[in-house]
Amino acid sequence: MHKARVYVTLKPSILDPQGNAVKNGLESLGFADVTDVRVGKYLEVSLDVVDKNVALEQVEEMCKKLLANPVIEDYRFELVEG
């Protein structure tokens, strides 16, 4: 059994209004040193697969087909046993 930790973020060229709102909120709370905030998604996917290579291939396909929008988002993932 494996668990994938998937991180999805907007590509650097894509505006992030939610990140800007968080940045403004932090500034209003006195955190003047914050220069940028980018908001993303974190997902954990558990797979009942023994072979690590099969799990890697499946998670890659999941990211390409559903978990991330490759037009505007980047993704990365790590696979851990558990």
N, C-alpha and C. Protein backbone atom coordinates (compact mmCIF):
# COMPACT_ATOMS: atom_id res chain seq x y z
N MET A 1 0.85 -1.18 0.00
CA MET A 1 0.00 0.00 0.00
C MET A 1 0.89 1.23 0.00
N HIS A 2 0.49 2.23 -0.77
CA HIS A 2 1.25 3.47 -0.87
C HIS A 2 0.30 4.66 -0.66
N LYS A 3 0.90 5.76 -0.27
CA LYS A 3 0.16 7.01 -0.17
C LYS A 3 0.91 8.05 -1.00
N ALA A 4 0.16 8.79 -1.80
CA ALA A 4 0.74 9.87 -2.60
C ALA A 4 0.37 11.19 -1.96
N ARG A 5 1.35 12.04 -1.80
CA ARG A 5 1.13 13.41 -1.35
C ARG A 5 1.29 14.28 -2.58
N VAL A 6 0.19 14.92 -2.99
CA VAL A 6 0.15 15.66 -4.24
C VAL A 6 0.02 17.16 -3.92
N TYR A 7 0.89 17.95 -4.54
CA TYR A 7 0.89 19.40 -4.37
C TYR A 7 0.58 20.04 -5.72
N VAL A 8 -0.47 20.87 -5.76
CA VAL A 8 -0.88 21.52 -7.00
C VAL A 8 -0.83 23.03 -6.77
N THR A 9 -0.14 23.74 -7.66
CA THR A 9 -0.04 25.19 -7.56
C THR A 9 -0.29 25.82 -8.92
N LEU A 10 -0.73 27.06 -8.89
CA LEU A 10 -0.89 27.79 -10.14
C LEU A 10 0.48 28.03 -10.77
N LYS A 11 0.54 28.01 -12.08
CA LYS A 11 1.79 28.32 -12.76
C LYS A 11 2.17 29.77 -12.44
N PRO A 12 3.46 30.08 -12.42
CA PRO A 12 3.90 31.43 -12.06
C PRO A 12 3.29 32.53 -12.91
N SER A 13 2.96 32.24 -14.16
CA SER A 13 2.41 33.26 -15.05
C SER A 13 0.91 33.51 -14.83
N ILE A 14 0.26 32.71 -13.99
CA ILE A 14 -1.18 32.83 -13.74
C ILE A 14 -1.41 33.70 -12.51
N LEU A 15 -2.29 34.70 -12.64
CA LEU A 15 -2.63 35.55 -11.50
C LEU A 15 -3.30 34.72 -10.41
N ASP A 16 -3.04 35.07 -9.16
CA ASP A 16 -3.58 34.34 -8.02
C ASP A 16 -4.34 35.30 -7.10
N PRO A 17 -5.62 35.59 -7.41
CA PRO A 17 -6.38 36.54 -6.59
C PRO A 17 -6.54 36.06 -5.14
N GLN A 18 -6.66 34.76 -4.93
CA GLN A 18 -6.78 34.26 -3.57
C GLN A 18 -5.47 34.48 -2.80
N GLY A 19 -4.36 34.27 -3.46
CA GLY A 19 -3.07 34.53 -2.84
C GLY A 19 -2.91 36.01 -2.49
N ASN A 20 -3.37 36.89 -3.39
CA ASN A 20 -3.31 38.33 -3.12
C ASN A 20 -4.17 38.69 -1.92
N ALA A 21 -5.34 38.09 -1.80
CA ALA A 21 -6.21 38.36 -0.65
C ALA A 21 -5.55 37.93 0.65
N VAL A 22 -4.90 36.77 0.63
CA VAL A 22 -4.20 36.29 1.83
C VAL A 22 -3.04 37.23 2.16
N LYS A 23 -2.29 37.64 1.15
CA LYS A 23 -1.18 38.59 1.36
C LYS A 23 -1.68 39.87 2.00
N ASN A 24 -2.76 40.43 1.46
CA ASN A 24 -3.33 41.66 2.02
C ASN A 24 -3.78 41.46 3.46
N GLY A 25 -4.38 40.32 3.74
CA GLY A 25 -4.81 40.01 5.10
C GLY A 25 -3.63 39.93 6.06
N LEU A 26 -2.56 39.29 5.61
CA LEU A 26 -1.36 39.20 6.44
C LEU A 26 -0.76 40.58 6.70
N GLU A 27 -0.74 41.41 5.65
CA GLU A 27 -0.22 42.77 5.82
C GLU A 27 -1.06 43.55 6.82
N SER A 28 -2.39 43.39 6.75
CA SER A 28 -3.26 44.12 7.68
C SER A 28 -3.11 43.63 9.11
N LEU A 29 -2.58 42.42 9.28
CA LEU A 29 -2.32 41.89 10.62
C LEU A 29 -0.92 42.24 11.12
N GLY A 30 -0.20 43.02 10.33
CA GLY A 30 1.12 43.48 10.77
C GLY A 30 2.29 42.71 10.20
N PHE A 31 2.05 41.79 9.31
CA PHE A 31 3.14 41.03 8.69
C PHE A 31 3.60 41.73 7.42
N ALA A 32 4.29 42.86 7.61
CA ALA A 32 4.68 43.73 6.49
C ALA A 32 5.78 43.12 5.63
N ASP A 33 6.47 42.11 6.11
CA ASP A 33 7.58 41.52 5.36
C ASP A 33 7.13 40.52 4.30
N VAL A 34 5.85 40.19 4.26
CA VAL A 34 5.34 39.25 3.26
C VAL A 34 5.33 39.94 1.89
N THR A 35 6.03 39.34 0.93
CA THR A 35 6.10 39.95 -0.39
C THR A 35 5.21 39.25 -1.42
N ASP A 36 4.85 38.00 -1.18
CA ASP A 36 4.00 37.29 -2.13
C ASP A 36 3.41 36.06 -1.45
N VAL A 37 2.21 35.70 -1.86
CA VAL A 37 1.55 34.48 -1.40
C VAL A 37 0.92 33.81 -2.60
N ARG A 38 1.16 32.53 -2.75
CA ARG A 38 0.53 31.72 -3.79
C ARG A 38 -0.25 30.62 -3.08
N VAL A 39 -1.50 30.46 -3.44
CA VAL A 39 -2.36 29.45 -2.81
C VAL A 39 -2.44 28.24 -3.73
N GLY A 40 -2.41 27.06 -3.14
CA GLY A 40 -2.49 25.84 -3.93
C GLY A 40 -3.35 24.80 -3.24
N LYS A 41 -3.21 23.56 -3.70
CA LYS A 41 -3.98 22.45 -3.13
C LYS A 41 -3.01 21.37 -2.68
N TYR A 42 -3.40 20.70 -1.61
CA TYR A 42 -2.65 19.54 -1.13
C TYR A 42 -3.64 18.38 -1.03
N LEU A 43 -3.28 17.26 -1.62
CA LEU A 43 -4.14 16.08 -1.60
C LEU A 43 -3.34 14.87 -1.14
N GLU A 44 -4.00 13.97 -0.43
CA GLU A 44 -3.42 12.68 -0.08
C GLU A 44 -4.27 11.60 -0.73
N VAL A 45 -3.62 10.74 -1.48
CA VAL A 45 -4.32 9.66 -2.18
C VAL A 45 -3.71 8.34 -1.73
N SER A 46 -4.53 7.47 -1.17
CA SER A 46 -4.06 6.14 -0.75
C SER A 46 -4.35 5.15 -1.86
N LEU A 47 -3.36 4.32 -2.15
CA LEU A 47 -3.49 3.33 -3.22
C LEU A 47 -3.20 1.94 -2.66
N ASP A 48 -4.04 1.01 -3.01
CA ASP A 48 -3.84 -0.38 -2.61
C ASP A 48 -3.05 -1.09 -3.71
N VAL A 49 -1.81 -0.63 -3.90
CA VAL A 49 -0.93 -1.14 -4.95
C VAL A 49 0.39 -1.51 -4.30
N VAL A 50 0.91 -2.67 -4.60
CA VAL A 50 2.17 -3.13 -4.00
C VAL A 50 3.37 -2.58 -4.76
N ASP A 51 3.31 -2.61 -6.08
CA ASP A 51 4.44 -2.20 -6.92
C ASP A 51 4.56 -0.68 -6.96
N LYS A 52 5.70 -0.17 -6.53
CA LYS A 52 5.91 1.28 -6.47
C LYS A 52 5.83 1.93 -7.84
N ASN A 53 6.37 1.27 -8.87
CA ASN A 53 6.33 1.83 -10.23
C ASN A 53 4.90 1.96 -10.75
N VAL A 54 4.08 0.98 -10.44
CA VAL A 54 2.66 1.04 -10.84
C VAL A 54 1.98 2.20 -10.12
N ALA A 55 2.26 2.36 -8.83
CA ALA A 55 1.68 3.46 -8.07
C ALA A 55 2.10 4.80 -8.64
N LEU A 56 3.39 4.96 -8.98
CA LEU A 56 3.88 6.20 -9.57
C LEU A 56 3.16 6.52 -10.88
N GLU A 57 3.00 5.51 -11.72
CA GLU A 57 2.32 5.70 -13.00
C GLU A 57 0.87 6.10 -12.79
N GLN A 58 0.19 5.46 -11.84
CA GLN A 58 -1.21 5.77 -11.58
C GLN A 58 -1.38 7.19 -11.06
N VAL A 59 -0.53 7.60 -10.14
CA VAL A 59 -0.65 8.95 -9.59
C VAL A 59 -0.36 10.00 -10.67
N GLU A 60 0.62 9.74 -11.51
CA GLU A 60 0.92 10.65 -12.62
C GLU A 60 -0.31 10.82 -13.51
N GLU A 61 -0.96 9.72 -13.85
CA GLU A 61 -2.17 9.78 -14.68
C GLU A 61 -3.31 10.53 -13.96
N MET A 62 -3.46 10.29 -12.66
CA MET A 62 -4.49 10.99 -11.88
C MET A 62 -4.27 12.49 -11.94
N CYS A 63 -3.03 12.91 -11.79
CA CYS A 63 -2.72 14.34 -11.83
C CYS A 63 -3.02 14.93 -13.19
N LYS A 64 -2.63 14.23 -14.25
CA LYS A 64 -2.85 14.73 -15.60
C LYS A 64 -4.32 14.79 -15.96
N LYS A 65 -5.12 13.81 -15.49
CA LYS A 65 -6.51 13.70 -15.92
C LYS A 65 -7.51 14.40 -15.02
N LEU A 66 -7.19 14.59 -13.72
CA LEU A 66 -8.20 15.14 -12.83
C LEU A 66 -7.66 16.08 -11.75
N LEU A 67 -6.59 15.71 -11.09
CA LEU A 67 -6.18 16.44 -9.90
C LEU A 67 -5.59 17.81 -10.20
N ALA A 68 -5.03 18.00 -11.38
CA ALA A 68 -4.46 19.29 -11.77
C ALA A 68 -4.92 19.64 -13.17
N ASN A 69 -5.01 20.93 -13.42
CA ASN A 69 -5.31 21.43 -14.77
C ASN A 69 -3.97 21.84 -15.37
N PRO A 70 -3.39 21.02 -16.25
CA PRO A 70 -2.05 21.29 -16.76
C PRO A 70 -1.92 22.60 -17.55
N VAL A 71 -3.03 23.19 -17.95
CA VAL A 71 -2.98 24.45 -18.68
C VAL A 71 -2.56 25.59 -17.74
N ILE A 72 -3.07 25.58 -16.50
CA ILE A 72 -2.80 26.69 -15.57
C ILE A 72 -2.11 26.26 -14.28
N GLU A 73 -1.93 24.95 -14.07
CA GLU A 73 -1.37 24.49 -12.81
C GLU A 73 -0.16 23.59 -13.02
N ASP A 74 0.75 23.67 -12.07
CA ASP A 74 1.86 22.73 -11.98
C ASP A 74 1.54 21.76 -10.85
N TYR A 75 2.15 20.59 -10.89
CA TYR A 75 1.95 19.65 -9.80
C TYR A 75 3.24 18.88 -9.55
N ARG A 76 3.34 18.39 -8.36
CA ARG A 76 4.41 17.46 -7.99
C ARG A 76 3.84 16.53 -6.96
N PHE A 77 4.43 15.37 -6.83
CA PHE A 77 3.94 14.44 -5.81
C PHE A 77 5.08 13.59 -5.29
N GLU A 78 4.85 13.05 -4.11
CA GLU A 78 5.80 12.12 -3.52
C GLU A 78 5.02 10.89 -3.09
N LEU A 79 5.67 9.78 -3.17
CA LEU A 79 5.04 8.51 -2.82
C LEU A 79 5.69 7.98 -1.55
N VAL A 80 4.86 7.63 -0.58
CA VAL A 80 5.36 7.06 0.67
C VAL A 80 4.63 5.77 0.94
N GLU A 81 5.29 4.84 1.61
CA GLU A 81 4.62 3.60 1.96
C GLU A 81 3.78 3.83 3.20
N GLY A 82 2.64 3.19 3.25
CA GLY A 82 1.79 3.37 4.42
C GLY A 82 0.43 3.08 4.08
